[in-house]
Amino acid sequence: MSDPDPTPWQLFRYRHAHGGSKDWAYRRRADGDLDVCWGRTDQVSQLRRYPATEGLSILRRAAEKQSKGYVLLGRALLKDQRLELFPARVPEHPAPAPPPPPPQALPTAQAVDLSRIAVDEDDFWF
């Protein structure tokens, strides 16, 4: 199953305790309709298109998937029955990080004699 549409998918993955995993993904097409695909990881074999009016139900289903243990991995493309995550873009020559600002001295507070606030009161607590 190759996908001629370059619109990215939102990929969710469920990992079984025995080590296997399965994928579920959705995307909104340029015409507003939505696609959902699912299957074993690296063997996505099911694809269904939904009208734009079903958008809210697809988002609800994504939330349900997460409550069942699926993890959102990010944006992906469907190639040969595999959902491949977009690689993180790393610049060829990253700019050096700016130096940290010099530490600033904290202003010192002058000591205040609080015993003179209530002169007619008992000041045992000062």
N, C-alpha and C. Protein backbone atom coordinates (compact mmCIF):
# COMPACT_ATOMS: atom_id res chain seq x y z
N MET A 1 0.85 -1.17 0.00
CA MET A 1 0.00 0.00 0.00
C MET A 1 0.89 1.23 0.00
N SER A 2 1.09 1.83 -1.14
CA SER A 2 1.83 3.09 -1.22
C SER A 2 0.83 4.22 -1.26
N ASP A 3 1.23 5.35 -0.79
CA ASP A 3 0.34 6.49 -0.65
C ASP A 3 0.83 7.63 -1.53
N PRO A 4 0.11 7.97 -2.59
CA PRO A 4 0.54 9.07 -3.44
C PRO A 4 0.30 10.44 -2.81
N ASP A 5 -0.55 10.52 -1.79
CA ASP A 5 -0.87 11.79 -1.13
C ASP A 5 0.23 12.13 -0.11
N PRO A 6 0.86 13.30 -0.23
CA PRO A 6 1.95 13.66 0.69
C PRO A 6 1.48 14.21 2.04
N THR A 7 0.17 14.26 2.27
CA THR A 7 -0.33 14.79 3.54
C THR A 7 0.13 13.89 4.68
N PRO A 8 0.75 14.46 5.72
CA PRO A 8 1.25 13.63 6.81
C PRO A 8 0.13 13.08 7.70
N TRP A 9 0.44 12.00 8.35
CA TRP A 9 -0.46 11.31 9.27
C TRP A 9 -0.05 11.62 10.70
N GLN A 10 -1.00 11.55 11.62
CA GLN A 10 -0.70 11.59 13.05
C GLN A 10 -0.63 10.13 13.49
N LEU A 11 0.54 9.69 13.88
CA LEU A 11 0.79 8.28 14.16
C LEU A 11 0.72 7.98 15.66
N PHE A 12 -0.08 6.96 15.99
CA PHE A 12 -0.20 6.44 17.34
C PHE A 12 0.26 4.99 17.33
N ARG A 13 0.98 4.58 18.36
CA ARG A 13 1.48 3.19 18.42
C ARG A 13 1.17 2.58 19.77
N TYR A 14 0.75 1.32 19.71
CA TYR A 14 0.49 0.53 20.92
C TYR A 14 1.53 -0.58 20.98
N ARG A 15 2.22 -0.69 22.10
CA ARG A 15 3.23 -1.73 22.27
C ARG A 15 2.67 -2.81 23.19
N HIS A 16 2.68 -4.03 22.68
CA HIS A 16 2.22 -5.17 23.47
C HIS A 16 3.30 -5.59 24.46
N ALA A 17 2.88 -6.25 25.54
CA ALA A 17 3.83 -6.73 26.54
C ALA A 17 4.81 -7.75 25.94
N HIS A 18 4.38 -8.50 24.94
CA HIS A 18 5.26 -9.52 24.33
C HIS A 18 6.25 -8.92 23.34
N GLY A 19 6.19 -7.61 23.12
CA GLY A 19 7.17 -6.95 22.26
C GLY A 19 6.66 -6.48 20.92
N GLY A 20 5.53 -7.01 20.45
CA GLY A 20 4.97 -6.55 19.18
C GLY A 20 4.30 -5.19 19.35
N SER A 21 3.89 -4.61 18.23
CA SER A 21 3.20 -3.32 18.29
C SER A 21 2.25 -3.19 17.12
N LYS A 22 1.30 -2.28 17.28
CA LYS A 22 0.37 -1.99 16.20
C LYS A 22 0.21 -0.48 16.10
N ASP A 23 -0.12 -0.03 14.89
CA ASP A 23 -0.23 1.39 14.61
C ASP A 23 -1.66 1.77 14.26
N TRP A 24 -1.99 3.00 14.56
CA TRP A 24 -3.26 3.63 14.17
C TRP A 24 -2.91 5.06 13.84
N ALA A 25 -3.41 5.56 12.72
CA ALA A 25 -3.06 6.92 12.31
C ALA A 25 -4.24 7.56 11.58
N TYR A 26 -4.26 8.89 11.62
CA TYR A 26 -5.28 9.62 10.87
C TYR A 26 -4.64 10.87 10.26
N ARG A 27 -5.33 11.41 9.27
CA ARG A 27 -4.90 12.67 8.65
C ARG A 27 -6.11 13.35 8.05
N ARG A 28 -6.03 14.66 7.94
CA ARG A 28 -7.05 15.45 7.26
C ARG A 28 -6.50 15.78 5.88
N ARG A 29 -7.25 15.42 4.88
CA ARG A 29 -6.85 15.64 3.49
C ARG A 29 -7.11 17.09 3.09
N ALA A 30 -6.54 17.51 1.98
CA ALA A 30 -6.72 18.88 1.49
C ALA A 30 -8.18 19.19 1.21
N ASP A 31 -8.98 18.19 0.83
CA ASP A 31 -10.39 18.42 0.54
C ASP A 31 -11.25 18.41 1.81
N GLY A 32 -10.64 18.21 2.99
CA GLY A 32 -11.37 18.21 4.25
C GLY A 32 -11.72 16.83 4.76
N ASP A 33 -11.76 15.85 3.88
CA ASP A 33 -12.05 14.49 4.32
C ASP A 33 -10.90 13.98 5.18
N LEU A 34 -11.16 12.89 5.90
CA LEU A 34 -10.14 12.31 6.76
C LEU A 34 -9.88 10.87 6.36
N ASP A 35 -8.63 10.47 6.52
CA ASP A 35 -8.23 9.08 6.31
C ASP A 35 -7.80 8.50 7.65
N VAL A 36 -8.11 7.24 7.86
CA VAL A 36 -7.65 6.50 9.02
C VAL A 36 -7.02 5.22 8.50
N CYS A 37 -5.85 4.88 9.03
CA CYS A 37 -5.22 3.61 8.67
C CYS A 37 -4.77 2.91 9.94
N TRP A 38 -4.67 1.58 9.87
CA TRP A 38 -4.28 0.81 11.05
C TRP A 38 -3.76 -0.54 10.62
N GLY A 39 -3.07 -1.18 11.56
CA GLY A 39 -2.53 -2.51 11.33
C GLY A 39 -1.29 -2.72 12.17
N ARG A 40 -0.68 -3.89 12.02
CA ARG A 40 0.57 -4.14 12.72
C ARG A 40 1.63 -3.15 12.26
N THR A 41 2.52 -2.82 13.16
CA THR A 41 3.62 -1.93 12.78
C THR A 41 4.37 -2.55 11.61
N ASP A 42 4.65 -1.78 10.62
CA ASP A 42 5.32 -2.18 9.37
C ASP A 42 4.44 -3.02 8.46
N GLN A 43 3.16 -3.19 8.81
CA GLN A 43 2.23 -3.92 7.95
C GLN A 43 0.85 -3.26 7.99
N VAL A 44 0.81 -1.95 7.85
CA VAL A 44 -0.48 -1.26 7.86
C VAL A 44 -1.25 -1.70 6.62
N SER A 45 -2.38 -2.35 6.85
CA SER A 45 -3.10 -2.93 5.72
C SER A 45 -4.54 -2.44 5.60
N GLN A 46 -4.99 -1.65 6.54
CA GLN A 46 -6.36 -1.15 6.50
C GLN A 46 -6.35 0.36 6.32
N LEU A 47 -7.21 0.84 5.44
CA LEU A 47 -7.33 2.28 5.18
C LEU A 47 -8.79 2.59 4.91
N ARG A 48 -9.28 3.62 5.58
CA ARG A 48 -10.68 4.01 5.36
C ARG A 48 -10.77 5.52 5.31
N ARG A 49 -11.57 6.04 4.39
CA ARG A 49 -11.78 7.48 4.25
C ARG A 49 -13.12 7.84 4.89
N TYR A 50 -13.13 8.98 5.60
CA TYR A 50 -14.33 9.49 6.25
C TYR A 50 -14.62 10.89 5.73
N PRO A 51 -15.90 11.26 5.66
CA PRO A 51 -16.22 12.62 5.22
C PRO A 51 -15.78 13.64 6.28
N ALA A 52 -15.62 14.88 5.86
CA ALA A 52 -15.17 15.94 6.75
C ALA A 52 -16.07 16.09 7.97
N THR A 53 -17.33 15.75 7.84
CA THR A 53 -18.27 15.87 8.95
C THR A 53 -17.95 14.91 10.09
N GLU A 54 -17.11 13.91 9.85
CA GLU A 54 -16.74 12.94 10.88
C GLU A 54 -15.48 13.36 11.64
N GLY A 55 -14.98 14.56 11.39
CA GLY A 55 -13.72 15.01 12.00
C GLY A 55 -13.71 14.90 13.51
N LEU A 56 -14.77 15.33 14.16
CA LEU A 56 -14.83 15.29 15.62
C LEU A 56 -14.80 13.85 16.13
N SER A 57 -15.48 12.95 15.46
CA SER A 57 -15.48 11.56 15.91
C SER A 57 -14.09 10.93 15.75
N ILE A 58 -13.35 11.33 14.74
CA ILE A 58 -11.99 10.81 14.56
C ILE A 58 -11.10 11.32 15.69
N LEU A 59 -11.24 12.59 16.07
CA LEU A 59 -10.45 13.12 17.18
C LEU A 59 -10.82 12.42 18.49
N ARG A 60 -12.10 12.12 18.67
CA ARG A 60 -12.51 11.37 19.86
C ARG A 60 -11.88 9.97 19.85
N ARG A 61 -11.88 9.36 18.69
CA ARG A 61 -11.28 8.02 18.59
C ARG A 61 -9.79 8.07 18.91
N ALA A 62 -9.11 9.13 18.48
CA ALA A 62 -7.69 9.28 18.81
C ALA A 62 -7.50 9.38 20.32
N ALA A 63 -8.37 10.12 20.99
CA ALA A 63 -8.30 10.23 22.45
C ALA A 63 -8.58 8.88 23.11
N GLU A 64 -9.52 8.13 22.56
CA GLU A 64 -9.81 6.79 23.09
C GLU A 64 -8.60 5.87 22.93
N LYS A 65 -7.95 5.98 21.78
CA LYS A 65 -6.76 5.16 21.55
C LYS A 65 -5.71 5.45 22.62
N GLN A 66 -5.51 6.74 22.92
CA GLN A 66 -4.52 7.10 23.93
C GLN A 66 -4.91 6.57 25.30
N SER A 67 -6.20 6.59 25.61
CA SER A 67 -6.63 6.08 26.91
C SER A 67 -6.44 4.56 27.00
N LYS A 68 -6.35 3.89 25.86
CA LYS A 68 -6.12 2.44 25.84
C LYS A 68 -4.64 2.09 25.83
N GLY A 69 -3.77 3.12 25.78
CA GLY A 69 -2.33 2.86 25.83
C GLY A 69 -1.56 3.21 24.57
N TYR A 70 -2.23 3.66 23.54
CA TYR A 70 -1.53 4.11 22.34
C TYR A 70 -0.77 5.40 22.68
N VAL A 71 0.40 5.56 22.08
CA VAL A 71 1.22 6.74 22.32
C VAL A 71 1.35 7.51 21.01
N LEU A 72 1.12 8.82 21.07
CA LEU A 72 1.30 9.66 19.89
C LEU A 72 2.79 9.81 19.62
N LEU A 73 3.22 9.35 18.45
CA LEU A 73 4.64 9.44 18.09
C LEU A 73 4.95 10.66 17.25
N GLY A 74 3.95 11.20 16.56
CA GLY A 74 4.20 12.38 15.74
C GLY A 74 3.71 12.21 14.32
N ARG A 75 4.23 13.07 13.45
CA ARG A 75 3.82 13.05 12.06
C ARG A 75 4.59 11.99 11.29
N ALA A 76 3.87 11.34 10.36
CA ALA A 76 4.49 10.25 9.60
C ALA A 76 3.96 10.24 8.18
N LEU A 77 4.68 9.52 7.32
CA LEU A 77 4.23 9.27 5.95
C LEU A 77 4.03 7.77 5.79
N LEU A 78 3.07 7.39 4.96
CA LEU A 78 2.79 5.99 4.69
C LEU A 78 3.54 5.58 3.42
N LYS A 79 4.48 4.65 3.58
CA LYS A 79 5.28 4.16 2.45
C LYS A 79 5.37 2.64 2.54
N ASP A 80 4.88 1.96 1.52
CA ASP A 80 4.98 0.50 1.45
C ASP A 80 4.49 -0.17 2.74
N GLN A 81 3.31 0.18 3.16
CA GLN A 81 2.65 -0.37 4.34
C GLN A 81 3.35 -0.03 5.65
N ARG A 82 4.23 0.94 5.63
CA ARG A 82 4.94 1.38 6.84
C ARG A 82 4.64 2.85 7.08
N LEU A 83 4.37 3.16 8.32
CA LEU A 83 4.24 4.57 8.72
C LEU A 83 5.61 5.01 9.22
N GLU A 84 6.24 5.89 8.46
CA GLU A 84 7.60 6.34 8.79
C GLU A 84 7.53 7.74 9.36
N LEU A 85 8.09 7.90 10.56
CA LEU A 85 8.11 9.21 11.21
C LEU A 85 8.98 10.17 10.43
N PHE A 86 8.57 11.44 10.45
CA PHE A 86 9.41 12.47 9.87
C PHE A 86 10.68 12.56 10.70
N PRO A 87 11.82 12.63 10.07
CA PRO A 87 13.05 12.79 10.86
C PRO A 87 13.10 14.20 11.45
N ALA A 88 13.73 14.29 12.60
CA ALA A 88 13.92 15.61 13.20
C ALA A 88 14.86 16.39 12.30
N ARG A 89 14.52 17.61 12.03
CA ARG A 89 15.37 18.44 11.17
C ARG A 89 16.49 19.04 12.00
N VAL A 90 17.72 18.72 11.60
CA VAL A 90 18.89 19.24 12.28
C VAL A 90 19.64 20.10 11.28
N PRO A 91 19.88 21.37 11.60
CA PRO A 91 20.62 22.22 10.66
C PRO A 91 22.04 21.70 10.45
N GLU A 92 22.56 21.91 9.23
CA GLU A 92 23.91 21.43 8.92
C GLU A 92 24.96 22.10 9.82
N HIS A 93 24.80 23.39 10.04
CA HIS A 93 25.73 24.14 10.87
C HIS A 93 24.94 24.88 11.93
N PRO A 94 24.67 24.21 13.03
CA PRO A 94 23.87 24.88 14.05
C PRO A 94 24.59 26.09 14.61
N ALA A 95 23.83 27.12 14.89
CA ALA A 95 24.40 28.33 15.47
C ALA A 95 24.84 28.03 16.90
N PRO A 96 25.97 28.60 17.31
CA PRO A 96 26.41 28.36 18.69
C PRO A 96 25.42 28.98 19.67
N ALA A 97 25.31 28.36 20.79
CA ALA A 97 24.40 28.88 21.82
C ALA A 97 24.97 30.18 22.37
N PRO A 98 24.11 31.15 22.64
CA PRO A 98 24.63 32.41 23.19
C PRO A 98 25.16 32.17 24.60
N PRO A 99 26.16 32.97 24.99
CA PRO A 99 26.70 32.78 26.34
C PRO A 99 25.65 33.16 27.39
N PRO A 100 25.73 32.54 28.55
CA PRO A 100 24.75 32.88 29.58
C PRO A 100 24.98 34.32 30.05
N PRO A 101 23.93 34.99 30.49
CA PRO A 101 24.11 36.36 30.97
C PRO A 101 24.95 36.37 32.24
N PRO A 102 25.70 37.46 32.46
CA PRO A 102 26.52 37.51 33.68
C PRO A 102 25.62 37.55 34.91
N PRO A 103 26.06 36.95 36.00
CA PRO A 103 25.23 36.98 37.20
C PRO A 103 25.08 38.41 37.70
N GLN A 104 23.90 38.72 38.17
CA GLN A 104 23.65 40.06 38.69
C GLN A 104 23.65 39.99 40.21
N ALA A 105 24.23 41.01 40.81
CA ALA A 105 24.25 41.07 42.27
C ALA A 105 22.85 41.39 42.77
N LEU A 106 22.45 40.70 43.78
CA LEU A 106 21.14 40.96 44.38
C LEU A 106 21.25 42.19 45.25
N PRO A 107 20.24 43.05 45.22
CA PRO A 107 20.30 44.23 46.09
C PRO A 107 20.24 43.80 47.56
N THR A 108 21.02 44.49 48.35
CA THR A 108 21.00 44.17 49.78
C THR A 108 19.94 45.02 50.46
N ALA A 109 19.23 44.39 51.35
CA ALA A 109 18.19 45.09 52.09
C ALA A 109 18.78 45.64 53.38
N GLN A 110 18.34 46.81 53.74
CA GLN A 110 18.80 47.38 55.00
C GLN A 110 18.01 46.75 56.14
N ALA A 111 18.70 46.53 57.24
CA ALA A 111 18.05 45.96 58.40
C ALA A 111 17.08 46.98 58.99
N VAL A 112 15.91 46.49 59.38
CA VAL A 112 14.89 47.36 59.96
C VAL A 112 14.65 46.89 61.39
N ASP A 113 14.65 47.85 62.30
CA ASP A 113 14.38 47.51 63.70
C ASP A 113 12.87 47.47 63.89
N LEU A 114 12.31 46.25 63.90
CA LEU A 114 10.87 46.08 64.02
C LEU A 114 10.37 46.31 65.44
N SER A 115 11.26 46.39 66.40
CA SER A 115 10.82 46.57 67.78
C SER A 115 10.23 47.96 68.02
N ARG A 116 10.41 48.87 67.10
CA ARG A 116 9.90 50.23 67.27
C ARG A 116 8.53 50.42 66.60
N ILE A 117 7.97 49.37 66.04
CA ILE A 117 6.68 49.49 65.36
C ILE A 117 5.56 49.75 66.36
N ALA A 118 5.50 48.97 67.39
CA ALA A 118 4.44 49.09 68.39
C ALA A 118 5.10 49.38 69.73
N VAL A 119 5.46 50.63 69.95
CA VAL A 119 6.23 50.99 71.15
C VAL A 119 5.43 50.81 72.44
N ASP A 120 4.11 50.94 72.39
CA ASP A 120 3.31 50.80 73.60
C ASP A 120 2.88 49.36 73.83
N GLU A 121 3.29 48.45 73.01
CA GLU A 121 2.90 47.05 73.11
C GLU A 121 4.05 46.25 73.72
N ASP A 122 3.68 45.12 74.26
CA ASP A 122 4.69 44.21 74.77
C ASP A 122 5.47 43.66 73.58
N ASP A 123 6.78 43.74 73.61
CA ASP A 123 7.59 43.33 72.45
C ASP A 123 8.44 42.10 72.75
N PHE A 124 7.87 41.19 73.52
CA PHE A 124 8.63 39.99 73.87
C PHE A 124 8.98 39.14 72.66
N TRP A 125 8.25 39.28 71.58
CA TRP A 125 8.48 38.42 70.43
C TRP A 125 9.53 38.97 69.49
N PHE A 126 10.14 40.12 69.81
CA PHE A 126 11.20 40.66 68.96
C PHE A 126 12.53 40.18 69.42
